[in-house]
Amino acid sequence: MLSRRHFIQLGAGLAVGVALDSCASTRRDLGAPAASAPAFTPGSLGRASVAQHATGHVLVVVQLNGGNDALNTLVPSDGRYRDARPTLAIPEADLVALRGVSDWSLHPSLAPLAPYFAAGNASFLPGIGFDDPERSHFVAMDRWWRADAIGATTGWLGRVLDADATAADTPLLATALGSGAPQLRGQHFQPATVLQPSSFALPRLLDASLFTTAARPTSTSALVAQAQAAFLASVGAVGSFAELLGDPTSTSTDVATRAGGFDLVHGLDIAAKLAVSNLGVRVVVVSVGGFDTHANQAATQKSLLADLGNGVDAFMKSIAAAGASDRVLLATTTEFGRRVQQNGSGGTDHGAGGLSMMFGPMVAGGIHGAVDLGDLLDGDIRPSLDPRTLYTACLDWLGAAVESSLGKRYDQVALLA
């Protein structure tokens, strides 16, 4: 049987539907559910429509796939950090100071971000993570994508977008740049997913009669009508993207990619164009891979964080130049942090508490969260900040009903000014 997703992929030559990794469904088979996780029942989540169109607020999420090492990103002054990492700790002379902060410093590759912190336009969230943490990539990512809603098959942002009445007329309303964004997956809503600009185009040999057929009055067959709508949405997404970037089939529009996502400098350049466009964009997710640094972490993370620092800096400057700084919130996520102790391969293994960041004049600047290296969880940073606190702030920014997406509010820390 022809499904909507198959129709889109075969008829339009682009992936608009995004599926959770098949391994992600094993989350509750691998560990006991968190006591605080809201149970999902049909109708209990998924009606948190985006109500912010009058204000034009936009959310950009940067997903660092693989589990970024928090301790070498936002570096604590605690001497136990250096004891645990005799060769991997960042040299003190190389650290980037943060204005008004004595117990944390930045990795030198993130120097471009220090001015935003000094201006109160950046906040760092160390120790972020769910209780009863998992070290499996698939399980951890699934929990972040679903906001740990037991039994839910939709993402925390997908539940917001599902009920948006403008979705059918706004093909790039939510756009994923890179390897896909299961957090955007709704029960009905599917985001536009751009794996590479040149591939986000209709096949040249596509029969023009398909357009005529799709544009006819809706069929009495529910499946055919759904396929018609999906096809036209795909055509609209391709057309809007081409309007934004020019001819997407030109190789000059392609961006460098890493395993599991875009190069962030280029991906965030496209995200900035989407955020300030007149295309009705409200959510953009940019994915980048490579953060699973079991070996040779020093060199690998140096490059990855330079990509992050330069990408965010260029993004913020582009948004400011367009006069849209007060409309666009940027946040970073990663599925978990790394273990405190370095391993024997010059790297770190899967851990628990990680680090998220937020940027924009609307954030409550500063450091929100805590890491206690004297109170570890089986060698890991003990999670101290629930990720849904970050999600609550993001949903507030979008003007969505937080309870409808997350089951309840998580106001552990005020993250918006």
Protein backbone atom coordinates (compact mmCIF):
# COMPACT_ATOMS: atom_id res chain seq x y z
CA MET A 1 0.00 0.00 0.00
CA LEU A 2 1.23 3.47 -0.87
CA SER A 3 1.83 5.48 2.27
CA ARG A 4 2.18 9.26 2.47
CA ARG A 5 5.89 8.93 3.23
CA HIS A 6 6.51 6.57 0.30
CA PHE A 7 4.60 8.88 -2.01
CA ILE A 8 6.74 11.83 -0.97
CA GLN A 9 10.00 9.94 -1.34
CA LEU A 10 9.13 8.33 -4.67
CA GLY A 11 7.13 11.13 -6.26
CA ALA A 12 9.02 14.19 -5.12
CA GLY A 13 12.49 12.82 -4.61
CA LEU A 14 12.99 14.28 -1.13
CA ALA A 15 12.55 13.13 2.44
CA VAL A 16 9.85 15.10 4.20
CA GLY A 17 9.00 12.36 6.70
CA VAL A 18 11.45 11.54 9.47
CA ALA A 19 11.42 8.29 11.43
CA LEU A 20 12.92 7.58 14.80
CA ASP A 21 15.85 5.18 14.63
CA SER A 22 14.54 1.63 14.71
CA CYS A 23 16.74 0.95 17.70
CA ALA A 24 15.20 3.86 19.61
CA SER A 25 12.01 1.93 20.25
CA THR A 26 13.92 -0.30 22.65
CA ARG A 27 14.27 2.53 25.19
CA ARG A 28 11.91 1.07 27.79
CA ASP A 29 13.14 -2.49 27.20
CA LEU A 30 16.66 -1.48 28.21
CA GLY A 31 15.91 0.35 31.44
CA ALA A 32 13.22 1.19 33.93
CA PRO A 33 11.20 4.35 33.20
CA ALA A 34 11.97 7.49 35.13
CA ALA A 35 9.45 8.00 37.89
CA SER A 36 8.92 11.60 36.81
CA ALA A 37 8.25 10.81 33.14
CA PRO A 38 4.66 11.59 32.14
CA ALA A 39 2.85 8.63 30.58
CA PHE A 40 1.56 9.08 27.06
CA THR A 41 -1.99 8.25 26.17
CA PRO A 42 -3.72 9.13 22.89
CA GLY A 43 -4.96 12.69 23.17
CA SER A 44 -2.91 13.55 26.25
CA LEU A 45 -0.17 15.15 24.16
CA GLY A 46 -0.11 16.67 20.73
CA ARG A 47 -2.44 19.66 20.82
CA ALA A 48 0.11 22.34 21.62
CA SER A 49 -0.25 24.37 18.47
CA VAL A 50 2.26 27.07 17.64
CA ALA A 51 0.48 30.31 18.54
CA GLN A 52 3.32 32.72 17.98
CA HIS A 53 2.76 33.62 14.34
CA ALA A 54 1.84 37.19 15.24
CA THR A 55 5.20 37.69 16.93
CA GLY A 56 7.21 35.68 14.42
CA HIS A 57 9.34 33.97 17.06
CA VAL A 58 11.71 31.35 15.65
CA LEU A 59 13.53 28.53 17.43
CA VAL A 60 16.76 27.06 16.06
CA VAL A 61 18.05 23.87 17.67
CA VAL A 62 21.61 22.65 17.07
CA GLN A 63 21.90 18.91 17.69
CA LEU A 64 25.44 17.69 18.48
CA ASN A 65 25.19 13.99 17.64
CA GLY A 66 27.41 11.52 19.44
CA GLY A 67 27.50 13.00 22.94
CA ASN A 68 29.64 16.10 23.29
CA ASP A 69 32.15 16.07 26.15
CA ALA A 70 30.81 18.73 28.51
CA LEU A 71 33.86 18.96 30.77
CA ASN A 72 36.23 19.94 27.95
CA THR A 73 33.68 22.38 26.53
CA LEU A 74 32.77 24.35 29.65
CA VAL A 75 35.77 23.61 31.84
CA PRO A 76 35.45 23.62 35.66
CA SER A 77 38.21 25.06 37.83
CA ASP A 78 37.89 22.04 40.17
CA GLY A 79 41.29 20.32 40.49
CA ARG A 80 39.63 16.90 40.31
CA TYR A 81 38.98 17.62 36.63
CA ARG A 82 42.72 17.65 35.94
CA ASP A 83 43.33 14.65 38.17
CA ALA A 84 40.87 12.62 36.08
CA ARG A 85 42.34 13.80 32.77
CA PRO A 86 46.13 13.96 33.07
CA THR A 87 46.67 14.28 29.30
CA LEU A 88 43.22 15.33 28.09
CA ALA A 89 42.49 18.31 30.32
CA ILE A 90 42.62 21.67 28.53
CA PRO A 91 45.81 23.55 29.56
CA GLU A 92 44.96 26.41 31.89
CA ALA A 93 46.87 28.87 29.74
CA ASP A 94 44.59 28.08 26.78
CA LEU A 95 41.25 28.52 28.53
CA VAL A 96 38.94 31.38 27.59
CA ALA A 97 37.73 33.38 30.57
CA LEU A 98 34.07 34.20 31.06
CA ARG A 99 33.23 37.65 32.40
CA GLY A 100 32.16 37.58 36.02
CA VAL A 101 32.77 33.83 36.41
CA SER A 102 35.67 32.33 38.34
CA ASP A 103 34.83 28.62 38.43
CA TRP A 104 34.24 27.94 34.72
CA SER A 105 36.10 28.68 31.47
CA LEU A 106 35.54 27.92 27.80
CA HIS A 107 37.44 25.63 25.45
CA PRO A 108 39.73 27.84 23.32
CA SER A 109 37.83 26.90 20.14
CA LEU A 110 34.75 28.57 21.61
CA ALA A 111 36.41 31.97 22.05
CA PRO A 112 33.93 33.56 19.58
CA LEU A 113 31.14 32.85 22.08
CA ALA A 114 32.68 34.68 25.05
CA PRO A 115 31.44 38.15 23.94
CA TYR A 116 27.84 36.89 23.87
CA PHE A 117 28.21 35.63 27.44
CA ALA A 118 29.73 38.96 28.51
CA ALA A 119 26.75 40.78 26.97
CA GLY A 120 24.26 38.55 28.79
CA ASN A 121 23.13 36.95 25.53
CA ALA A 122 24.40 33.43 26.24
CA SER A 123 23.63 30.91 28.93
CA PHE A 124 25.32 27.58 29.59
CA LEU A 125 23.52 24.65 31.22
CA PRO A 126 26.06 22.20 32.70
CA GLY A 127 24.86 18.94 34.21
CA ILE A 128 21.80 18.71 31.97
CA GLY A 129 20.37 15.24 31.56
CA PHE A 130 17.58 12.89 32.56
CA ASP A 131 17.50 10.93 35.80
CA ASP A 132 18.35 7.21 35.46
CA PRO A 133 20.62 8.04 32.51
CA GLU A 134 21.32 5.66 29.65
CA ARG A 135 24.68 5.30 27.88
CA SER A 136 23.20 3.94 24.63
CA HIS A 137 23.16 6.52 21.83
CA PHE A 138 19.81 5.27 20.54
CA VAL A 139 18.13 5.14 23.92
CA ALA A 140 19.48 8.49 25.07
CA MET A 141 18.61 10.27 21.83
CA ASP A 142 15.13 8.76 21.88
CA ARG A 143 14.53 10.11 25.37
CA TRP A 144 15.67 13.60 24.35
CA TRP A 145 13.58 13.54 21.17
CA ARG A 146 10.40 12.40 22.93
CA ALA A 147 11.09 14.47 26.07
CA ASP A 148 10.97 11.12 27.91
CA ALA A 149 7.22 10.78 27.38
CA ILE A 150 6.61 7.07 27.93
CA GLY A 151 4.81 5.47 25.01
CA ALA A 152 4.90 8.55 22.78
CA THR A 153 5.88 8.11 19.14
CA THR A 154 6.06 11.85 18.51
CA GLY A 155 8.79 14.39 19.25
CA TRP A 156 8.46 17.21 21.75
CA LEU A 157 8.37 19.76 18.93
CA GLY A 158 6.32 17.52 16.63
CA ARG A 159 3.52 17.58 19.17
CA VAL A 160 3.53 21.37 18.94
CA LEU A 161 3.54 21.40 15.17
CA ASP A 162 0.89 18.70 14.77
CA ALA A 163 -1.95 21.08 15.56
CA ASP A 164 -0.65 24.09 13.64
CA ALA A 165 -3.42 25.18 11.31
CA THR A 166 -0.96 26.91 8.96
CA ALA A 167 1.22 23.84 8.36
CA ALA A 168 -0.41 22.91 5.06
CA ASP A 169 0.29 26.38 3.66
CA THR A 170 3.77 26.71 5.16
CA PRO A 171 5.94 23.90 3.74
CA LEU A 172 9.10 25.04 5.54
CA LEU A 173 7.34 25.74 8.85
CA ALA A 174 9.72 23.27 10.53
CA THR A 175 12.88 22.35 8.65
CA ALA A 176 15.59 19.83 9.49
CA LEU A 177 19.05 20.42 8.07
CA GLY A 178 21.25 17.35 8.21
CA SER A 179 20.46 13.81 9.27
CA GLY A 180 16.85 14.41 10.18
CA ALA A 181 15.10 15.59 13.32
CA PRO A 182 12.86 13.06 15.09
CA GLN A 183 12.05 15.75 17.67
CA LEU A 184 10.04 17.37 14.85
CA ARG A 185 8.04 14.23 14.13
CA GLY A 186 4.32 14.59 14.79
CA GLN A 187 1.41 12.24 14.52
CA HIS A 188 0.36 14.03 11.34
CA PHE A 189 2.94 16.73 10.77
CA GLN A 190 6.20 15.87 9.00
CA PRO A 191 9.03 18.40 8.63
CA ALA A 192 10.94 19.24 5.50
CA THR A 193 14.26 17.40 5.76
CA VAL A 194 17.18 18.72 3.75
CA LEU A 195 20.02 16.21 3.68
CA GLN A 196 21.87 18.25 1.07
CA PRO A 197 20.64 21.35 -0.80
CA SER A 198 21.32 19.87 -4.25
CA SER A 199 19.21 16.80 -3.48
CA PHE A 200 16.29 18.87 -2.19
CA ALA A 201 14.75 19.11 -5.65
CA LEU A 202 12.23 17.42 -7.89
CA PRO A 203 13.61 14.79 -10.27
CA ARG A 204 14.19 16.28 -13.72
CA LEU A 205 12.34 13.38 -15.34
CA LEU A 206 9.22 13.74 -13.19
CA ASP A 207 6.18 13.59 -15.45
CA ALA A 208 4.46 16.98 -15.55
CA SER A 209 1.10 15.20 -15.58
CA LEU A 210 1.67 14.38 -11.91
CA PHE A 211 1.40 18.08 -11.10
CA THR A 212 -1.88 18.34 -13.01
CA THR A 213 -3.26 15.26 -11.28
CA ALA A 214 -2.18 16.42 -7.85
CA ALA A 215 -3.75 19.84 -8.37
CA ARG A 216 -7.19 18.45 -9.24
CA PRO A 217 -9.97 18.60 -6.66
CA THR A 218 -9.32 16.28 -3.75
CA SER A 219 -10.16 12.66 -4.44
CA THR A 220 -12.92 10.88 -2.59
CA SER A 221 -10.29 8.30 -1.62
CA ALA A 222 -8.73 9.27 1.71
CA LEU A 223 -5.38 7.75 0.76
CA VAL A 224 -5.27 9.46 -2.65
CA ALA A 225 -6.29 12.77 -1.07
CA GLN A 226 -3.50 12.39 1.48
CA ALA A 227 -1.03 11.59 -1.28
CA GLN A 228 -2.16 14.66 -3.24
CA ALA A 229 -1.65 16.88 -0.21
CA ALA A 230 1.74 15.33 0.53
CA PHE A 231 2.89 15.78 -3.04
CA LEU A 232 1.84 19.41 -3.19
CA ALA A 233 3.47 20.06 0.18
CA SER A 234 6.70 18.58 -1.19
CA VAL A 235 6.51 20.73 -4.28
CA GLY A 236 5.88 23.77 -2.11
CA ALA A 237 8.85 22.98 0.13
CA VAL A 238 11.17 22.59 -2.85
CA GLY A 239 9.92 25.82 -4.38
CA SER A 240 10.27 27.78 -1.16
CA PHE A 241 13.78 26.44 -0.56
CA ALA A 242 14.81 27.37 -4.09
CA GLU A 243 13.39 30.85 -3.54
CA LEU A 244 15.56 31.16 -0.45
CA LEU A 245 18.87 29.83 -1.77
CA GLY A 246 18.60 30.06 -5.52
CA ASP A 247 18.93 26.96 -7.67
CA PRO A 248 19.37 24.11 -5.15
CA THR A 249 20.50 21.71 -7.88
CA SER A 250 23.69 23.69 -8.34
CA THR A 251 26.64 21.99 -6.68
CA SER A 252 27.74 25.43 -5.47
CA THR A 253 24.89 25.38 -2.95
CA ASP A 254 26.04 22.12 -1.36
CA VAL A 255 27.53 22.34 2.10
CA ALA A 256 30.22 20.34 3.76
CA THR A 257 28.79 17.50 5.83
CA ARG A 258 29.93 15.29 8.65
CA ALA A 259 28.62 11.86 9.50
CA GLY A 260 25.18 12.51 10.92
CA GLY A 261 24.76 16.11 9.88
CA PHE A 262 25.83 19.39 8.30
CA ASP A 263 29.01 21.30 8.81
CA LEU A 264 27.64 23.81 11.33
CA VAL A 265 29.13 26.94 9.78
CA HIS A 266 27.26 26.25 6.54
CA GLY A 267 24.22 24.65 8.13
CA LEU A 268 23.70 27.62 10.43
CA ASP A 269 24.15 29.98 7.50
CA ILE A 270 21.15 28.31 5.85
CA ALA A 271 19.30 28.30 9.18
CA ALA A 272 19.81 32.06 9.48
CA LYS A 273 18.40 32.60 5.99
CA LEU A 274 15.38 30.48 6.89
CA ALA A 275 14.86 32.27 10.21
CA VAL A 276 14.73 35.76 8.70
CA SER A 277 12.86 34.81 5.53
CA ASN A 278 9.22 35.54 4.78
CA LEU A 279 8.49 31.82 4.35
CA GLY A 280 6.76 31.32 7.70
CA VAL A 281 9.61 29.29 9.21
CA ARG A 282 9.20 28.76 12.95
CA VAL A 283 11.55 25.88 13.86
CA VAL A 284 14.87 24.81 12.35
CA VAL A 285 16.96 21.88 13.56
CA VAL A 286 20.58 21.64 12.40
CA SER A 287 22.31 18.31 13.06
CA VAL A 288 26.04 17.74 13.14
CA GLY A 289 27.85 14.51 13.96
CA GLY A 290 31.28 13.43 15.12
CA PHE A 291 31.01 14.07 18.88
CA ASP A 292 31.42 10.42 19.89
CA THR A 293 35.05 10.98 20.90
CA HIS A 294 36.26 7.64 22.26
CA ALA A 295 39.75 8.24 20.83
CA ASN A 296 41.92 11.20 19.80
CA GLN A 297 39.44 13.54 21.44
CA ALA A 298 41.72 16.55 21.81
CA ALA A 299 42.17 17.11 18.08
CA THR A 300 38.68 15.98 17.10
CA GLN A 301 36.82 18.11 19.61
CA LYS A 302 39.02 21.10 18.87
CA SER A 303 37.82 21.00 15.26
CA LEU A 304 34.19 20.28 16.16
CA LEU A 305 33.98 23.08 18.70
CA ALA A 306 35.63 25.51 16.29
CA ASP A 307 32.84 24.63 13.85
CA LEU A 308 30.29 25.25 16.61
CA GLY A 309 31.83 28.50 17.85
CA ASN A 310 32.32 30.00 14.41
CA GLY A 311 28.92 28.77 13.23
CA VAL A 312 27.01 30.27 16.16
CA ASP A 313 28.96 33.53 15.93
CA ALA A 314 28.23 33.90 12.21
CA PHE A 315 24.58 32.95 12.79
CA MET A 316 24.11 35.56 15.50
CA LYS A 317 25.75 38.24 13.37
CA SER A 318 23.51 37.36 10.39
CA ILE A 319 20.40 37.52 12.56
CA ALA A 320 21.51 40.87 13.99
CA ALA A 321 22.24 42.28 10.53
CA ALA A 322 18.69 41.38 9.52
CA GLY A 323 17.29 43.16 12.57
CA ALA A 324 15.86 39.88 13.89
CA SER A 325 17.89 39.29 17.06
CA ASP A 326 14.87 39.70 19.29
CA ARG A 327 12.89 37.10 17.33
CA VAL A 328 15.32 34.15 17.13
CA LEU A 329 16.36 31.85 19.99
CA LEU A 330 19.16 29.33 19.42
CA ALA A 331 19.70 26.30 21.68
CA THR A 332 22.10 23.35 21.54
CA THR A 333 21.44 19.76 22.62
CA THR A 334 23.39 16.50 22.74
CA GLU A 335 22.26 13.08 23.94
CA PHE A 336 24.64 12.83 26.91
CA GLY A 337 27.99 13.96 28.24
CA ARG A 338 31.14 11.86 28.58
CA ARG A 339 32.68 10.07 31.53
CA VAL A 340 34.84 12.15 33.85
CA GLN A 341 37.88 9.87 33.65
CA GLN A 342 39.73 9.81 30.34
CA ASN A 343 40.15 6.39 28.75
CA GLY A 344 43.28 4.69 27.44
CA SER A 345 42.78 5.90 23.88
CA GLY A 346 43.06 9.62 24.47
CA GLY A 347 39.30 10.01 24.63
CA THR A 348 36.25 9.67 26.86
CA ASP A 349 33.43 7.15 26.88
CA HIS A 350 29.66 7.60 27.12
CA GLY A 351 28.57 9.38 30.26
CA ALA A 352 25.54 11.06 31.82
CA GLY A 353 25.18 14.79 32.58
CA GLY A 354 26.05 16.97 29.60
CA LEU A 355 25.90 20.58 28.48
CA SER A 356 23.39 22.67 26.55
CA MET A 357 23.70 26.31 25.50
CA MET A 358 21.25 29.09 24.65
CA PHE A 359 21.86 32.28 22.69
CA GLY A 360 19.89 35.45 22.10
CA PRO A 361 18.94 38.66 23.93
CA MET A 362 15.89 36.89 25.38
CA VAL A 363 17.91 34.38 27.43
CA ALA A 364 18.70 34.72 31.12
CA GLY A 365 22.44 34.99 30.62
CA GLY A 366 24.85 33.14 32.86
CA ILE A 367 25.49 29.60 34.01
CA HIS A 368 22.43 27.62 35.11
CA GLY A 369 23.16 24.18 36.46
CA ALA A 370 25.85 22.49 38.48
CA VAL A 371 28.55 19.83 38.29
CA ASP A 372 29.90 18.27 41.48
CA LEU A 373 33.02 16.21 40.74
CA GLY A 374 32.93 14.98 44.33
CA ASP A 375 29.50 13.40 43.83
CA LEU A 376 29.66 11.28 40.69
CA LEU A 377 27.13 8.78 39.40
CA ASP A 378 29.14 5.64 38.64
CA GLY A 379 31.98 7.75 37.29
CA ASP A 380 29.70 10.15 35.43
CA ILE A 381 28.53 13.70 35.98
CA ARG A 382 25.33 13.37 37.97
CA PRO A 383 22.45 15.03 36.05
CA SER A 384 21.28 18.11 37.90
CA LEU A 385 19.09 19.90 35.32
CA ASP A 386 16.15 18.20 33.61
CA PRO A 387 16.25 18.73 29.81
CA ARG A 388 12.54 19.54 29.91
CA THR A 389 13.45 22.75 31.71
CA LEU A 390 15.20 23.77 28.48
CA TYR A 391 12.22 22.55 26.47
CA THR A 392 9.81 24.53 28.63
CA ALA A 393 11.74 27.71 27.86
CA CYS A 394 11.81 26.90 24.13
CA LEU A 395 8.07 26.19 24.04
CA ASP A 396 7.35 29.37 25.98
CA TRP A 397 9.36 31.22 23.37
CA LEU A 398 7.24 29.68 20.61
CA GLY A 399 4.05 30.56 22.44
CA ALA A 400 3.02 26.90 22.70
CA ALA A 401 1.06 25.19 25.47
CA VAL A 402 3.89 23.56 27.39
CA GLU A 403 1.67 21.12 29.28
CA SER A 404 0.23 19.77 26.04
CA SER A 405 3.69 18.87 24.77
CA LEU A 406 5.51 17.85 27.95
CA GLY A 407 2.63 16.79 30.22
CA LYS A 408 3.52 19.51 32.71
CA ARG A 409 5.80 22.51 33.07
CA TYR A 410 9.43 22.14 34.15
CA ASP A 411 10.49 25.42 35.76
CA GLN A 412 13.56 24.17 37.60
CA VAL A 413 15.47 27.27 36.41
CA ALA A 414 14.23 30.44 34.68
CA LEU A 415 16.04 30.40 31.34
CA LEU A 416 14.31 33.32 29.63
CA ALA A 417 14.84 36.87 30.80
